[in-house]
Amino acid sequence: MFLGPTEEERAETLAAADPVELPHVARALDDFGGALEELR
């Protein structure tokens, strides 16, 4: 989920020094955070 849906994105995420800066990771974290907020 956080690594990305494609092999390319997963490889990029695993090689990144700070994966949170990658757009697909940031988007996944935002979506996850939104889901947690809905549970409150």
N, C-alpha and C. Protein backbone atom coordinates (compact mmCIF):
# COMPACT_ATOMS: atom_id res chain seq x y z
N MET A 1 0.82 -1.18 0.00
CA MET A 1 0.00 0.00 0.00
C MET A 1 0.87 1.26 0.00
N PHE A 2 1.82 1.36 0.92
CA PHE A 2 2.63 2.57 1.02
C PHE A 2 3.79 2.58 0.04
N LEU A 3 4.21 1.41 -0.41
CA LEU A 3 5.35 1.35 -1.32
C LEU A 3 5.00 1.75 -2.74
N GLY A 4 3.75 1.58 -3.13
CA GLY A 4 3.32 1.92 -4.48
C GLY A 4 2.73 0.73 -5.19
N PRO A 5 1.88 0.99 -6.17
CA PRO A 5 1.19 -0.10 -6.87
C PRO A 5 2.02 -0.77 -7.97
N THR A 6 3.07 -0.10 -8.44
CA THR A 6 3.86 -0.68 -9.53
C THR A 6 5.23 -1.11 -9.02
N GLU A 7 5.86 -2.01 -9.76
CA GLU A 7 7.21 -2.46 -9.41
C GLU A 7 8.17 -1.28 -9.38
N GLU A 8 8.01 -0.38 -10.34
CA GLU A 8 8.90 0.79 -10.42
C GLU A 8 8.77 1.67 -9.17
N GLU A 9 7.55 1.94 -8.75
CA GLU A 9 7.34 2.76 -7.56
C GLU A 9 7.84 2.06 -6.30
N ARG A 10 7.64 0.76 -6.22
CA ARG A 10 8.13 0.02 -5.05
C ARG A 10 9.66 0.08 -4.97
N ALA A 11 10.32 -0.09 -6.11
CA ALA A 11 11.78 -0.03 -6.13
C ALA A 11 12.26 1.38 -5.77
N GLU A 12 11.58 2.39 -6.31
CA GLU A 12 11.94 3.78 -6.00
C GLU A 12 11.78 4.07 -4.51
N THR A 13 10.70 3.56 -3.92
CA THR A 13 10.44 3.78 -2.51
C THR A 13 11.50 3.12 -1.65
N LEU A 14 11.85 1.90 -1.97
CA LEU A 14 12.85 1.17 -1.18
C LEU A 14 14.24 1.78 -1.30
N ALA A 15 14.53 2.45 -2.42
CA ALA A 15 15.84 3.05 -2.64
C ALA A 15 15.92 4.49 -2.13
N ALA A 16 14.78 5.10 -1.82
CA ALA A 16 14.76 6.50 -1.43
C ALA A 16 15.33 6.72 -0.02
N ALA A 17 16.07 7.80 0.13
CA ALA A 17 16.61 8.15 1.45
C ALA A 17 15.47 8.57 2.38
N ASP A 18 14.48 9.26 1.85
CA ASP A 18 13.32 9.70 2.64
C ASP A 18 12.06 9.43 1.83
N PRO A 19 11.51 8.22 1.91
CA PRO A 19 10.37 7.83 1.08
C PRO A 19 9.13 8.71 1.25
N VAL A 20 8.99 9.36 2.39
CA VAL A 20 7.81 10.20 2.64
C VAL A 20 7.75 11.36 1.65
N GLU A 21 8.89 11.73 1.08
CA GLU A 21 8.92 12.83 0.12
C GLU A 21 8.42 12.42 -1.26
N LEU A 22 8.28 11.13 -1.51
CA LEU A 22 7.77 10.67 -2.81
C LEU A 22 6.26 10.90 -2.87
N PRO A 23 5.76 11.42 -3.99
CA PRO A 23 4.34 11.75 -4.09
C PRO A 23 3.40 10.58 -3.82
N HIS A 24 3.72 9.39 -4.32
CA HIS A 24 2.81 8.27 -4.13
C HIS A 24 2.79 7.80 -2.67
N VAL A 25 3.90 7.94 -1.96
CA VAL A 25 3.95 7.58 -0.55
C VAL A 25 3.20 8.62 0.28
N ALA A 26 3.44 9.89 -0.01
CA ALA A 26 2.74 10.96 0.71
C ALA A 26 1.23 10.85 0.52
N ARG A 27 0.81 10.53 -0.69
CA ARG A 27 -0.62 10.37 -0.99
C ARG A 27 -1.21 9.20 -0.21
N ALA A 28 -0.49 8.09 -0.17
CA ALA A 28 -0.97 6.91 0.57
C ALA A 28 -1.08 7.21 2.06
N LEU A 29 -0.11 7.94 2.59
CA LEU A 29 -0.15 8.30 4.01
C LEU A 29 -1.31 9.26 4.31
N ASP A 30 -1.55 10.20 3.40
CA ASP A 30 -2.69 11.11 3.57
C ASP A 30 -4.00 10.34 3.56
N ASP A 31 -4.13 9.40 2.63
CA ASP A 31 -5.36 8.59 2.56
C ASP A 31 -5.54 7.78 3.84
N PHE A 32 -4.46 7.19 4.32
CA PHE A 32 -4.51 6.39 5.54
C PHE A 32 -4.89 7.26 6.74
N GLY A 33 -4.27 8.44 6.82
CA GLY A 33 -4.60 9.37 7.90
C GLY A 33 -6.05 9.81 7.85
N GLY A 34 -6.57 10.02 6.64
CA GLY A 34 -7.98 10.39 6.49
C GLY A 34 -8.90 9.28 6.97
N ALA A 35 -8.53 8.05 6.66
CA ALA A 35 -9.34 6.91 7.11
C ALA A 35 -9.33 6.81 8.63
N LEU A 36 -8.19 7.06 9.24
CA LEU A 36 -8.13 7.02 10.70
C LEU A 36 -8.95 8.14 11.32
N GLU A 37 -8.94 9.30 10.70
CA GLU A 37 -9.75 10.43 11.21
C GLU A 37 -11.24 10.10 11.16
N GLU A 38 -11.66 9.37 10.14
CA GLU A 38 -13.08 9.00 10.02
C GLU A 38 -13.50 8.06 11.15
N LEU A 39 -12.56 7.35 11.73
CA LEU A 39 -12.88 6.42 12.80
C LEU A 39 -13.05 7.12 14.15
N ARG A 40 -12.62 8.35 14.24
CA ARG A 40 -12.71 9.09 15.51
C ARG A 40 -14.11 9.47 15.82
